[in-house]
Amino acid sequence: DVFALVKRAQVCPLLPYSLRLHLI
């Protein structure tokens, strides 16, 4: 199996969405 942590990051004009996935 494999896991993905749902994280949030700062937004900026080039990255307008905060959603990030961290594979574990």
PDBML (XML) file of the C-alpha atoms, coordinates in Angstrom:
<?xml version="1.0" encoding="UTF-8" ?>
<PDBx:datablock datablockName="MODEL"
   xmlns:PDBx="http://pdbml.pdb.org/schema/pdbx-v50.xsd"
   xmlns:xsi="http://www.w3.org/2001/XMLSchema-instance"
   xsi:schemaLocation="http://pdbml.pdb.org/schema/pdbx-v50.xsd pdbx-v50.xsd">
   <PDBx:atom_siteCategory>
      <PDBx:atom_site id="1">
         <PDBx:B_iso_or_equiv>0.00</PDBx:B_iso_or_equiv>
         <PDBx:Cartn_x>0.000</PDBx:Cartn_x>
         <PDBx:Cartn_y>0.000</PDBx:Cartn_y>
         <PDBx:Cartn_z>0.000</PDBx:Cartn_z>
         <PDBx:auth_asym_id>A</PDBx:auth_asym_id>
         <PDBx:auth_atom_id>CA</PDBx:auth_atom_id>
         <PDBx:auth_comp_id>ASP</PDBx:auth_comp_id>
         <PDBx:auth_seq_id>1</PDBx:auth_seq_id>
         <PDBx:group_PDB>ATOM</PDBx:group_PDB>
         <PDBx:label_alt_id xsi:nil="true" />
         <PDBx:label_asym_id>A</PDBx:label_asym_id>
         <PDBx:label_atom_id>CA</PDBx:label_atom_id>
         <PDBx:label_comp_id>ASP</PDBx:label_comp_id>
         <PDBx:label_entity_id>1</PDBx:label_entity_id>
         <PDBx:label_seq_id>1</PDBx:label_seq_id>
         <PDBx:occupancy>1.00</PDBx:occupancy>
         <PDBx:pdbx_PDB_model_num>1</PDBx:pdbx_PDB_model_num>
         <PDBx:type_symbol>C</PDBx:type_symbol>
      </PDBx:atom_site>
      <PDBx:atom_site id="2">
         <PDBx:B_iso_or_equiv>0.00</PDBx:B_iso_or_equiv>
         <PDBx:Cartn_x>0.972</PDBx:Cartn_x>
         <PDBx:Cartn_y>3.657</PDBx:Cartn_y>
         <PDBx:Cartn_z>-0.138</PDBx:Cartn_z>
         <PDBx:auth_asym_id>A</PDBx:auth_asym_id>
         <PDBx:auth_atom_id>CA</PDBx:auth_atom_id>
         <PDBx:auth_comp_id>VAL</PDBx:auth_comp_id>
         <PDBx:auth_seq_id>2</PDBx:auth_seq_id>
         <PDBx:group_PDB>ATOM</PDBx:group_PDB>
         <PDBx:label_alt_id xsi:nil="true" />
         <PDBx:label_asym_id>A</PDBx:label_asym_id>
         <PDBx:label_atom_id>CA</PDBx:label_atom_id>
         <PDBx:label_comp_id>VAL</PDBx:label_comp_id>
         <PDBx:label_entity_id>1</PDBx:label_entity_id>
         <PDBx:label_seq_id>2</PDBx:label_seq_id>
         <PDBx:occupancy>1.00</PDBx:occupancy>
         <PDBx:pdbx_PDB_model_num>1</PDBx:pdbx_PDB_model_num>
         <PDBx:type_symbol>C</PDBx:type_symbol>
      </PDBx:atom_site>
      <PDBx:atom_site id="3">
         <PDBx:B_iso_or_equiv>0.00</PDBx:B_iso_or_equiv>
         <PDBx:Cartn_x>-0.292</PDBx:Cartn_x>
         <PDBx:Cartn_y>6.754</PDBx:Cartn_y>
         <PDBx:Cartn_z>1.644</PDBx:Cartn_z>
         <PDBx:auth_asym_id>A</PDBx:auth_asym_id>
         <PDBx:auth_atom_id>CA</PDBx:auth_atom_id>
         <PDBx:auth_comp_id>PHE</PDBx:auth_comp_id>
         <PDBx:auth_seq_id>3</PDBx:auth_seq_id>
         <PDBx:group_PDB>ATOM</PDBx:group_PDB>
         <PDBx:label_alt_id xsi:nil="true" />
         <PDBx:label_asym_id>A</PDBx:label_asym_id>
         <PDBx:label_atom_id>CA</PDBx:label_atom_id>
         <PDBx:label_comp_id>PHE</PDBx:label_comp_id>
         <PDBx:label_entity_id>1</PDBx:label_entity_id>
         <PDBx:label_seq_id>3</PDBx:label_seq_id>
         <PDBx:occupancy>1.00</PDBx:occupancy>
         <PDBx:pdbx_PDB_model_num>1</PDBx:pdbx_PDB_model_num>
         <PDBx:type_symbol>C</PDBx:type_symbol>
      </PDBx:atom_site>
      <PDBx:atom_site id="4">
         <PDBx:B_iso_or_equiv>0.00</PDBx:B_iso_or_equiv>
         <PDBx:Cartn_x>-0.803</PDBx:Cartn_x>
         <PDBx:Cartn_y>10.362</PDBx:Cartn_y>
         <PDBx:Cartn_z>0.638</PDBx:Cartn_z>
         <PDBx:auth_asym_id>A</PDBx:auth_asym_id>
         <PDBx:auth_atom_id>CA</PDBx:auth_atom_id>
         <PDBx:auth_comp_id>ALA</PDBx:auth_comp_id>
         <PDBx:auth_seq_id>4</PDBx:auth_seq_id>
         <PDBx:group_PDB>ATOM</PDBx:group_PDB>
         <PDBx:label_alt_id xsi:nil="true" />
         <PDBx:label_asym_id>A</PDBx:label_asym_id>
         <PDBx:label_atom_id>CA</PDBx:label_atom_id>
         <PDBx:label_comp_id>ALA</PDBx:label_comp_id>
         <PDBx:label_entity_id>1</PDBx:label_entity_id>
         <PDBx:label_seq_id>4</PDBx:label_seq_id>
         <PDBx:occupancy>1.00</PDBx:occupancy>
         <PDBx:pdbx_PDB_model_num>1</PDBx:pdbx_PDB_model_num>
         <PDBx:type_symbol>C</PDBx:type_symbol>
      </PDBx:atom_site>
      <PDBx:atom_site id="5">
         <PDBx:B_iso_or_equiv>0.00</PDBx:B_iso_or_equiv>
         <PDBx:Cartn_x>-0.989</PDBx:Cartn_x>
         <PDBx:Cartn_y>13.068</PDBx:Cartn_y>
         <PDBx:Cartn_z>3.294</PDBx:Cartn_z>
         <PDBx:auth_asym_id>A</PDBx:auth_asym_id>
         <PDBx:auth_atom_id>CA</PDBx:auth_atom_id>
         <PDBx:auth_comp_id>LEU</PDBx:auth_comp_id>
         <PDBx:auth_seq_id>5</PDBx:auth_seq_id>
         <PDBx:group_PDB>ATOM</PDBx:group_PDB>
         <PDBx:label_alt_id xsi:nil="true" />
         <PDBx:label_asym_id>A</PDBx:label_asym_id>
         <PDBx:label_atom_id>CA</PDBx:label_atom_id>
         <PDBx:label_comp_id>LEU</PDBx:label_comp_id>
         <PDBx:label_entity_id>1</PDBx:label_entity_id>
         <PDBx:label_seq_id>5</PDBx:label_seq_id>
         <PDBx:occupancy>1.00</PDBx:occupancy>
         <PDBx:pdbx_PDB_model_num>1</PDBx:pdbx_PDB_model_num>
         <PDBx:type_symbol>C</PDBx:type_symbol>
      </PDBx:atom_site>
      <PDBx:atom_site id="6">
         <PDBx:B_iso_or_equiv>0.00</PDBx:B_iso_or_equiv>
         <PDBx:Cartn_x>-3.273</PDBx:Cartn_x>
         <PDBx:Cartn_y>15.965</PDBx:Cartn_y>
         <PDBx:Cartn_z>2.423</PDBx:Cartn_z>
         <PDBx:auth_asym_id>A</PDBx:auth_asym_id>
         <PDBx:auth_atom_id>CA</PDBx:auth_atom_id>
         <PDBx:auth_comp_id>VAL</PDBx:auth_comp_id>
         <PDBx:auth_seq_id>6</PDBx:auth_seq_id>
         <PDBx:group_PDB>ATOM</PDBx:group_PDB>
         <PDBx:label_alt_id xsi:nil="true" />
         <PDBx:label_asym_id>A</PDBx:label_asym_id>
         <PDBx:label_atom_id>CA</PDBx:label_atom_id>
         <PDBx:label_comp_id>VAL</PDBx:label_comp_id>
         <PDBx:label_entity_id>1</PDBx:label_entity_id>
         <PDBx:label_seq_id>6</PDBx:label_seq_id>
         <PDBx:occupancy>1.00</PDBx:occupancy>
         <PDBx:pdbx_PDB_model_num>1</PDBx:pdbx_PDB_model_num>
         <PDBx:type_symbol>C</PDBx:type_symbol>
      </PDBx:atom_site>
      <PDBx:atom_site id="7">
         <PDBx:B_iso_or_equiv>0.00</PDBx:B_iso_or_equiv>
         <PDBx:Cartn_x>-1.431</PDBx:Cartn_x>
         <PDBx:Cartn_y>19.190</PDBx:Cartn_y>
         <PDBx:Cartn_z>3.237</PDBx:Cartn_z>
         <PDBx:auth_asym_id>A</PDBx:auth_asym_id>
         <PDBx:auth_atom_id>CA</PDBx:auth_atom_id>
         <PDBx:auth_comp_id>LYS</PDBx:auth_comp_id>
         <PDBx:auth_seq_id>7</PDBx:auth_seq_id>
         <PDBx:group_PDB>ATOM</PDBx:group_PDB>
         <PDBx:label_alt_id xsi:nil="true" />
         <PDBx:label_asym_id>A</PDBx:label_asym_id>
         <PDBx:label_atom_id>CA</PDBx:label_atom_id>
         <PDBx:label_comp_id>LYS</PDBx:label_comp_id>
         <PDBx:label_entity_id>1</PDBx:label_entity_id>
         <PDBx:label_seq_id>7</PDBx:label_seq_id>
         <PDBx:occupancy>1.00</PDBx:occupancy>
         <PDBx:pdbx_PDB_model_num>1</PDBx:pdbx_PDB_model_num>
         <PDBx:type_symbol>C</PDBx:type_symbol>
      </PDBx:atom_site>
      <PDBx:atom_site id="8">
         <PDBx:B_iso_or_equiv>0.00</PDBx:B_iso_or_equiv>
         <PDBx:Cartn_x>-1.842</PDBx:Cartn_x>
         <PDBx:Cartn_y>22.912</PDBx:Cartn_y>
         <PDBx:Cartn_z>2.693</PDBx:Cartn_z>
         <PDBx:auth_asym_id>A</PDBx:auth_asym_id>
         <PDBx:auth_atom_id>CA</PDBx:auth_atom_id>
         <PDBx:auth_comp_id>ARG</PDBx:auth_comp_id>
         <PDBx:auth_seq_id>8</PDBx:auth_seq_id>
         <PDBx:group_PDB>ATOM</PDBx:group_PDB>
         <PDBx:label_alt_id xsi:nil="true" />
         <PDBx:label_asym_id>A</PDBx:label_asym_id>
         <PDBx:label_atom_id>CA</PDBx:label_atom_id>
         <PDBx:label_comp_id>ARG</PDBx:label_comp_id>
         <PDBx:label_entity_id>1</PDBx:label_entity_id>
         <PDBx:label_seq_id>8</PDBx:label_seq_id>
         <PDBx:occupancy>1.00</PDBx:occupancy>
         <PDBx:pdbx_PDB_model_num>1</PDBx:pdbx_PDB_model_num>
         <PDBx:type_symbol>C</PDBx:type_symbol>
      </PDBx:atom_site>
      <PDBx:atom_site id="9">
         <PDBx:B_iso_or_equiv>0.00</PDBx:B_iso_or_equiv>
         <PDBx:Cartn_x>0.715</PDBx:Cartn_x>
         <PDBx:Cartn_y>25.479</PDBx:Cartn_y>
         <PDBx:Cartn_z>1.573</PDBx:Cartn_z>
         <PDBx:auth_asym_id>A</PDBx:auth_asym_id>
         <PDBx:auth_atom_id>CA</PDBx:auth_atom_id>
         <PDBx:auth_comp_id>ALA</PDBx:auth_comp_id>
         <PDBx:auth_seq_id>9</PDBx:auth_seq_id>
         <PDBx:group_PDB>ATOM</PDBx:group_PDB>
         <PDBx:label_alt_id xsi:nil="true" />
         <PDBx:label_asym_id>A</PDBx:label_asym_id>
         <PDBx:label_atom_id>CA</PDBx:label_atom_id>
         <PDBx:label_comp_id>ALA</PDBx:label_comp_id>
         <PDBx:label_entity_id>1</PDBx:label_entity_id>
         <PDBx:label_seq_id>9</PDBx:label_seq_id>
         <PDBx:occupancy>1.00</PDBx:occupancy>
         <PDBx:pdbx_PDB_model_num>1</PDBx:pdbx_PDB_model_num>
         <PDBx:type_symbol>C</PDBx:type_symbol>
      </PDBx:atom_site>
      <PDBx:atom_site id="10">
         <PDBx:B_iso_or_equiv>0.00</PDBx:B_iso_or_equiv>
         <PDBx:Cartn_x>0.893</PDBx:Cartn_x>
         <PDBx:Cartn_y>29.210</PDBx:Cartn_y>
         <PDBx:Cartn_z>1.002</PDBx:Cartn_z>
         <PDBx:auth_asym_id>A</PDBx:auth_asym_id>
         <PDBx:auth_atom_id>CA</PDBx:auth_atom_id>
         <PDBx:auth_comp_id>GLN</PDBx:auth_comp_id>
         <PDBx:auth_seq_id>10</PDBx:auth_seq_id>
         <PDBx:group_PDB>ATOM</PDBx:group_PDB>
         <PDBx:label_alt_id xsi:nil="true" />
         <PDBx:label_asym_id>A</PDBx:label_asym_id>
         <PDBx:label_atom_id>CA</PDBx:label_atom_id>
         <PDBx:label_comp_id>GLN</PDBx:label_comp_id>
         <PDBx:label_entity_id>1</PDBx:label_entity_id>
         <PDBx:label_seq_id>10</PDBx:label_seq_id>
         <PDBx:occupancy>1.00</PDBx:occupancy>
         <PDBx:pdbx_PDB_model_num>1</PDBx:pdbx_PDB_model_num>
         <PDBx:type_symbol>C</PDBx:type_symbol>
      </PDBx:atom_site>
      <PDBx:atom_site id="11">
         <PDBx:B_iso_or_equiv>0.00</PDBx:B_iso_or_equiv>
         <PDBx:Cartn_x>-0.659</PDBx:Cartn_x>
         <PDBx:Cartn_y>30.437</PDBx:Cartn_y>
         <PDBx:Cartn_z>-2.233</PDBx:Cartn_z>
         <PDBx:auth_asym_id>A</PDBx:auth_asym_id>
         <PDBx:auth_atom_id>CA</PDBx:auth_atom_id>
         <PDBx:auth_comp_id>VAL</PDBx:auth_comp_id>
         <PDBx:auth_seq_id>11</PDBx:auth_seq_id>
         <PDBx:group_PDB>ATOM</PDBx:group_PDB>
         <PDBx:label_alt_id xsi:nil="true" />
         <PDBx:label_asym_id>A</PDBx:label_asym_id>
         <PDBx:label_atom_id>CA</PDBx:label_atom_id>
         <PDBx:label_comp_id>VAL</PDBx:label_comp_id>
         <PDBx:label_entity_id>1</PDBx:label_entity_id>
         <PDBx:label_seq_id>11</PDBx:label_seq_id>
         <PDBx:occupancy>1.00</PDBx:occupancy>
         <PDBx:pdbx_PDB_model_num>1</PDBx:pdbx_PDB_model_num>
         <PDBx:type_symbol>C</PDBx:type_symbol>
      </PDBx:atom_site>
      <PDBx:atom_site id="12">
         <PDBx:B_iso_or_equiv>0.00</PDBx:B_iso_or_equiv>
         <PDBx:Cartn_x>0.901</PDBx:Cartn_x>
         <PDBx:Cartn_y>32.906</PDBx:Cartn_y>
         <PDBx:Cartn_z>-4.661</PDBx:Cartn_z>
         <PDBx:auth_asym_id>A</PDBx:auth_asym_id>
         <PDBx:auth_atom_id>CA</PDBx:auth_atom_id>
         <PDBx:auth_comp_id>CYS</PDBx:auth_comp_id>
         <PDBx:auth_seq_id>12</PDBx:auth_seq_id>
         <PDBx:group_PDB>ATOM</PDBx:group_PDB>
         <PDBx:label_alt_id xsi:nil="true" />
         <PDBx:label_asym_id>A</PDBx:label_asym_id>
         <PDBx:label_atom_id>CA</PDBx:label_atom_id>
         <PDBx:label_comp_id>CYS</PDBx:label_comp_id>
         <PDBx:label_entity_id>1</PDBx:label_entity_id>
         <PDBx:label_seq_id>12</PDBx:label_seq_id>
         <PDBx:occupancy>1.00</PDBx:occupancy>
         <PDBx:pdbx_PDB_model_num>1</PDBx:pdbx_PDB_model_num>
         <PDBx:type_symbol>C</PDBx:type_symbol>
      </PDBx:atom_site>
      <PDBx:atom_site id="13">
         <PDBx:B_iso_or_equiv>0.00</PDBx:B_iso_or_equiv>
         <PDBx:Cartn_x>0.046</PDBx:Cartn_x>
         <PDBx:Cartn_y>34.218</PDBx:Cartn_y>
         <PDBx:Cartn_z>-8.143</PDBx:Cartn_z>
         <PDBx:auth_asym_id>A</PDBx:auth_asym_id>
         <PDBx:auth_atom_id>CA</PDBx:auth_atom_id>
         <PDBx:auth_comp_id>PRO</PDBx:auth_comp_id>
         <PDBx:auth_seq_id>13</PDBx:auth_seq_id>
         <PDBx:group_PDB>ATOM</PDBx:group_PDB>
         <PDBx:label_alt_id xsi:nil="true" />
         <PDBx:label_asym_id>A</PDBx:label_asym_id>
         <PDBx:label_atom_id>CA</PDBx:label_atom_id>
         <PDBx:label_comp_id>PRO</PDBx:label_comp_id>
         <PDBx:label_entity_id>1</PDBx:label_entity_id>
         <PDBx:label_seq_id>13</PDBx:label_seq_id>
         <PDBx:occupancy>1.00</PDBx:occupancy>
         <PDBx:pdbx_PDB_model_num>1</PDBx:pdbx_PDB_model_num>
         <PDBx:type_symbol>C</PDBx:type_symbol>
      </PDBx:atom_site>
      <PDBx:atom_site id="14">
         <PDBx:B_iso_or_equiv>0.00</PDBx:B_iso_or_equiv>
         <PDBx:Cartn_x>1.784</PDBx:Cartn_x>
         <PDBx:Cartn_y>31.269</PDBx:Cartn_y>
         <PDBx:Cartn_z>-9.831</PDBx:Cartn_z>
         <PDBx:auth_asym_id>A</PDBx:auth_asym_id>
         <PDBx:auth_atom_id>CA</PDBx:auth_atom_id>
         <PDBx:auth_comp_id>LEU</PDBx:auth_comp_id>
         <PDBx:auth_seq_id>14</PDBx:auth_seq_id>
         <PDBx:group_PDB>ATOM</PDBx:group_PDB>
         <PDBx:label_alt_id xsi:nil="true" />
         <PDBx:label_asym_id>A</PDBx:label_asym_id>
         <PDBx:label_atom_id>CA</PDBx:label_atom_id>
         <PDBx:label_comp_id>LEU</PDBx:label_comp_id>
         <PDBx:label_entity_id>1</PDBx:label_entity_id>
         <PDBx:label_seq_id>14</PDBx:label_seq_id>
         <PDBx:occupancy>1.00</PDBx:occupancy>
         <PDBx:pdbx_PDB_model_num>1</PDBx:pdbx_PDB_model_num>
         <PDBx:type_symbol>C</PDBx:type_symbol>
      </PDBx:atom_site>
      <PDBx:atom_site id="15">
         <PDBx:B_iso_or_equiv>0.00</PDBx:B_iso_or_equiv>
         <PDBx:Cartn_x>0.399</PDBx:Cartn_x>
         <PDBx:Cartn_y>28.705</PDBx:Cartn_y>
         <PDBx:Cartn_z>-7.353</PDBx:Cartn_z>
         <PDBx:auth_asym_id>A</PDBx:auth_asym_id>
         <PDBx:auth_atom_id>CA</PDBx:auth_atom_id>
         <PDBx:auth_comp_id>LEU</PDBx:auth_comp_id>
         <PDBx:auth_seq_id>15</PDBx:auth_seq_id>
         <PDBx:group_PDB>ATOM</PDBx:group_PDB>
         <PDBx:label_alt_id xsi:nil="true" />
         <PDBx:label_asym_id>A</PDBx:label_asym_id>
         <PDBx:label_atom_id>CA</PDBx:label_atom_id>
         <PDBx:label_comp_id>LEU</PDBx:label_comp_id>
         <PDBx:label_entity_id>1</PDBx:label_entity_id>
         <PDBx:label_seq_id>15</PDBx:label_seq_id>
         <PDBx:occupancy>1.00</PDBx:occupancy>
         <PDBx:pdbx_PDB_model_num>1</PDBx:pdbx_PDB_model_num>
         <PDBx:type_symbol>C</PDBx:type_symbol>
      </PDBx:atom_site>
      <PDBx:atom_site id="16">
         <PDBx:B_iso_or_equiv>0.00</PDBx:B_iso_or_equiv>
         <PDBx:Cartn_x>-3.195</PDBx:Cartn_x>
         <PDBx:Cartn_y>29.794</PDBx:Cartn_y>
         <PDBx:Cartn_z>-6.687</PDBx:Cartn_z>
         <PDBx:auth_asym_id>A</PDBx:auth_asym_id>
         <PDBx:auth_atom_id>CA</PDBx:auth_atom_id>
         <PDBx:auth_comp_id>PRO</PDBx:auth_comp_id>
         <PDBx:auth_seq_id>16</PDBx:auth_seq_id>
         <PDBx:group_PDB>ATOM</PDBx:group_PDB>
         <PDBx:label_alt_id xsi:nil="true" />
         <PDBx:label_asym_id>A</PDBx:label_asym_id>
         <PDBx:label_atom_id>CA</PDBx:label_atom_id>
         <PDBx:label_comp_id>PRO</PDBx:label_comp_id>
         <PDBx:label_entity_id>1</PDBx:label_entity_id>
         <PDBx:label_seq_id>16</PDBx:label_seq_id>
         <PDBx:occupancy>1.00</PDBx:occupancy>
         <PDBx:pdbx_PDB_model_num>1</PDBx:pdbx_PDB_model_num>
         <PDBx:type_symbol>C</PDBx:type_symbol>
      </PDBx:atom_site>
      <PDBx:atom_site id="17">
         <PDBx:B_iso_or_equiv>0.00</PDBx:B_iso_or_equiv>
         <PDBx:Cartn_x>-4.265</PDBx:Cartn_x>
         <PDBx:Cartn_y>26.611</PDBx:Cartn_y>
         <PDBx:Cartn_z>-4.858</PDBx:Cartn_z>
         <PDBx:auth_asym_id>A</PDBx:auth_asym_id>
         <PDBx:auth_atom_id>CA</PDBx:auth_atom_id>
         <PDBx:auth_comp_id>TYR</PDBx:auth_comp_id>
         <PDBx:auth_seq_id>17</PDBx:auth_seq_id>
         <PDBx:group_PDB>ATOM</PDBx:group_PDB>
         <PDBx:label_alt_id xsi:nil="true" />
         <PDBx:label_asym_id>A</PDBx:label_asym_id>
         <PDBx:label_atom_id>CA</PDBx:label_atom_id>
         <PDBx:label_comp_id>TYR</PDBx:label_comp_id>
         <PDBx:label_entity_id>1</PDBx:label_entity_id>
         <PDBx:label_seq_id>17</PDBx:label_seq_id>
         <PDBx:occupancy>1.00</PDBx:occupancy>
         <PDBx:pdbx_PDB_model_num>1</PDBx:pdbx_PDB_model_num>
         <PDBx:type_symbol>C</PDBx:type_symbol>
      </PDBx:atom_site>
      <PDBx:atom_site id="18">
         <PDBx:B_iso_or_equiv>0.00</PDBx:B_iso_or_equiv>
         <PDBx:Cartn_x>-3.015</PDBx:Cartn_x>
         <PDBx:Cartn_y>25.492</PDBx:Cartn_y>
         <PDBx:Cartn_z>-1.442</PDBx:Cartn_z>
         <PDBx:auth_asym_id>A</PDBx:auth_asym_id>
         <PDBx:auth_atom_id>CA</PDBx:auth_atom_id>
         <PDBx:auth_comp_id>SER</PDBx:auth_comp_id>
         <PDBx:auth_seq_id>18</PDBx:auth_seq_id>
         <PDBx:group_PDB>ATOM</PDBx:group_PDB>
         <PDBx:label_alt_id xsi:nil="true" />
         <PDBx:label_asym_id>A</PDBx:label_asym_id>
         <PDBx:label_atom_id>CA</PDBx:label_atom_id>
         <PDBx:label_comp_id>SER</PDBx:label_comp_id>
         <PDBx:label_entity_id>1</PDBx:label_entity_id>
         <PDBx:label_seq_id>18</PDBx:label_seq_id>
         <PDBx:occupancy>1.00</PDBx:occupancy>
         <PDBx:pdbx_PDB_model_num>1</PDBx:pdbx_PDB_model_num>
         <PDBx:type_symbol>C</PDBx:type_symbol>
      </PDBx:atom_site>
      <PDBx:atom_site id="19">
         <PDBx:B_iso_or_equiv>0.00</PDBx:B_iso_or_equiv>
         <PDBx:Cartn_x>-3.647</PDBx:Cartn_x>
         <PDBx:Cartn_y>21.737</PDBx:Cartn_y>
         <PDBx:Cartn_z>-1.785</PDBx:Cartn_z>
         <PDBx:auth_asym_id>A</PDBx:auth_asym_id>
         <PDBx:auth_atom_id>CA</PDBx:auth_atom_id>
         <PDBx:auth_comp_id>LEU</PDBx:auth_comp_id>
         <PDBx:auth_seq_id>19</PDBx:auth_seq_id>
         <PDBx:group_PDB>ATOM</PDBx:group_PDB>
         <PDBx:label_alt_id xsi:nil="true" />
         <PDBx:label_asym_id>A</PDBx:label_asym_id>
         <PDBx:label_atom_id>CA</PDBx:label_atom_id>
         <PDBx:label_comp_id>LEU</PDBx:label_comp_id>
         <PDBx:label_entity_id>1</PDBx:label_entity_id>
         <PDBx:label_seq_id>19</PDBx:label_seq_id>
         <PDBx:occupancy>1.00</PDBx:occupancy>
         <PDBx:pdbx_PDB_model_num>1</PDBx:pdbx_PDB_model_num>
         <PDBx:type_symbol>C</PDBx:type_symbol>
      </PDBx:atom_site>
      <PDBx:atom_site id="20">
         <PDBx:B_iso_or_equiv>0.00</PDBx:B_iso_or_equiv>
         <PDBx:Cartn_x>-0.523</PDBx:Cartn_x>
         <PDBx:Cartn_y>19.546</PDBx:Cartn_y>
         <PDBx:Cartn_z>-1.679</PDBx:Cartn_z>
         <PDBx:auth_asym_id>A</PDBx:auth_asym_id>
         <PDBx:auth_atom_id>CA</PDBx:auth_atom_id>
         <PDBx:auth_comp_id>ARG</PDBx:auth_comp_id>
         <PDBx:auth_seq_id>20</PDBx:auth_seq_id>
         <PDBx:group_PDB>ATOM</PDBx:group_PDB>
         <PDBx:label_alt_id xsi:nil="true" />
         <PDBx:label_asym_id>A</PDBx:label_asym_id>
         <PDBx:label_atom_id>CA</PDBx:label_atom_id>
         <PDBx:label_comp_id>ARG</PDBx:label_comp_id>
         <PDBx:label_entity_id>1</PDBx:label_entity_id>
         <PDBx:label_seq_id>20</PDBx:label_seq_id>
         <PDBx:occupancy>1.00</PDBx:occupancy>
         <PDBx:pdbx_PDB_model_num>1</PDBx:pdbx_PDB_model_num>
         <PDBx:type_symbol>C</PDBx:type_symbol>
      </PDBx:atom_site>
      <PDBx:atom_site id="21">
         <PDBx:B_iso_or_equiv>0.00</PDBx:B_iso_or_equiv>
         <PDBx:Cartn_x>-0.177</PDBx:Cartn_x>
         <PDBx:Cartn_y>15.761</PDBx:Cartn_y>
         <PDBx:Cartn_z>-1.578</PDBx:Cartn_z>
         <PDBx:auth_asym_id>A</PDBx:auth_asym_id>
         <PDBx:auth_atom_id>CA</PDBx:auth_atom_id>
         <PDBx:auth_comp_id>LEU</PDBx:auth_comp_id>
         <PDBx:auth_seq_id>21</PDBx:auth_seq_id>
         <PDBx:group_PDB>ATOM</PDBx:group_PDB>
         <PDBx:label_alt_id xsi:nil="true" />
         <PDBx:label_asym_id>A</PDBx:label_asym_id>
         <PDBx:label_atom_id>CA</PDBx:label_atom_id>
         <PDBx:label_comp_id>LEU</PDBx:label_comp_id>
         <PDBx:label_entity_id>1</PDBx:label_entity_id>
         <PDBx:label_seq_id>21</PDBx:label_seq_id>
         <PDBx:occupancy>1.00</PDBx:occupancy>
         <PDBx:pdbx_PDB_model_num>1</PDBx:pdbx_PDB_model_num>
         <PDBx:type_symbol>C</PDBx:type_symbol>
      </PDBx:atom_site>
      <PDBx:atom_site id="22">
         <PDBx:B_iso_or_equiv>0.00</PDBx:B_iso_or_equiv>
         <PDBx:Cartn_x>2.750</PDBx:Cartn_x>
         <PDBx:Cartn_y>14.187</PDBx:Cartn_y>
         <PDBx:Cartn_z>0.285</PDBx:Cartn_z>
         <PDBx:auth_asym_id>A</PDBx:auth_asym_id>
         <PDBx:auth_atom_id>CA</PDBx:auth_atom_id>
         <PDBx:auth_comp_id>HIS</PDBx:auth_comp_id>
         <PDBx:auth_seq_id>22</PDBx:auth_seq_id>
         <PDBx:group_PDB>ATOM</PDBx:group_PDB>
         <PDBx:label_alt_id xsi:nil="true" />
         <PDBx:label_asym_id>A</PDBx:label_asym_id>
         <PDBx:label_atom_id>CA</PDBx:label_atom_id>
         <PDBx:label_comp_id>HIS</PDBx:label_comp_id>
         <PDBx:label_entity_id>1</PDBx:label_entity_id>
         <PDBx:label_seq_id>22</PDBx:label_seq_id>
         <PDBx:occupancy>1.00</PDBx:occupancy>
         <PDBx:pdbx_PDB_model_num>1</PDBx:pdbx_PDB_model_num>
         <PDBx:type_symbol>C</PDBx:type_symbol>
      </PDBx:atom_site>
      <PDBx:atom_site id="23">
         <PDBx:B_iso_or_equiv>0.00</PDBx:B_iso_or_equiv>
         <PDBx:Cartn_x>3.320</PDBx:Cartn_x>
         <PDBx:Cartn_y>10.547</PDBx:Cartn_y>
         <PDBx:Cartn_z>-0.658</PDBx:Cartn_z>
         <PDBx:auth_asym_id>A</PDBx:auth_asym_id>
         <PDBx:auth_atom_id>CA</PDBx:auth_atom_id>
         <PDBx:auth_comp_id>LEU</PDBx:auth_comp_id>
         <PDBx:auth_seq_id>23</PDBx:auth_seq_id>
         <PDBx:group_PDB>ATOM</PDBx:group_PDB>
         <PDBx:label_alt_id xsi:nil="true" />
         <PDBx:label_asym_id>A</PDBx:label_asym_id>
         <PDBx:label_atom_id>CA</PDBx:label_atom_id>
         <PDBx:label_comp_id>LEU</PDBx:label_comp_id>
         <PDBx:label_entity_id>1</PDBx:label_entity_id>
         <PDBx:label_seq_id>23</PDBx:label_seq_id>
         <PDBx:occupancy>1.00</PDBx:occupancy>
         <PDBx:pdbx_PDB_model_num>1</PDBx:pdbx_PDB_model_num>
         <PDBx:type_symbol>C</PDBx:type_symbol>
      </PDBx:atom_site>
      <PDBx:atom_site id="24">
         <PDBx:B_iso_or_equiv>0.00</PDBx:B_iso_or_equiv>
         <PDBx:Cartn_x>4.400</PDBx:Cartn_x>
         <PDBx:Cartn_y>8.341</PDBx:Cartn_y>
         <PDBx:Cartn_z>2.262</PDBx:Cartn_z>
         <PDBx:auth_asym_id>A</PDBx:auth_asym_id>
         <PDBx:auth_atom_id>CA</PDBx:auth_atom_id>
         <PDBx:auth_comp_id>ILE</PDBx:auth_comp_id>
         <PDBx:auth_seq_id>24</PDBx:auth_seq_id>
         <PDBx:group_PDB>ATOM</PDBx:group_PDB>
         <PDBx:label_alt_id xsi:nil="true" />
         <PDBx:label_asym_id>A</PDBx:label_asym_id>
         <PDBx:label_atom_id>CA</PDBx:label_atom_id>
         <PDBx:label_comp_id>ILE</PDBx:label_comp_id>
         <PDBx:label_entity_id>1</PDBx:label_entity_id>
         <PDBx:label_seq_id>24</PDBx:label_seq_id>
         <PDBx:occupancy>1.00</PDBx:occupancy>
         <PDBx:pdbx_PDB_model_num>1</PDBx:pdbx_PDB_model_num>
         <PDBx:type_symbol>C</PDBx:type_symbol>
      </PDBx:atom_site>
   </PDBx:atom_siteCategory>
</PDBx:datablock>
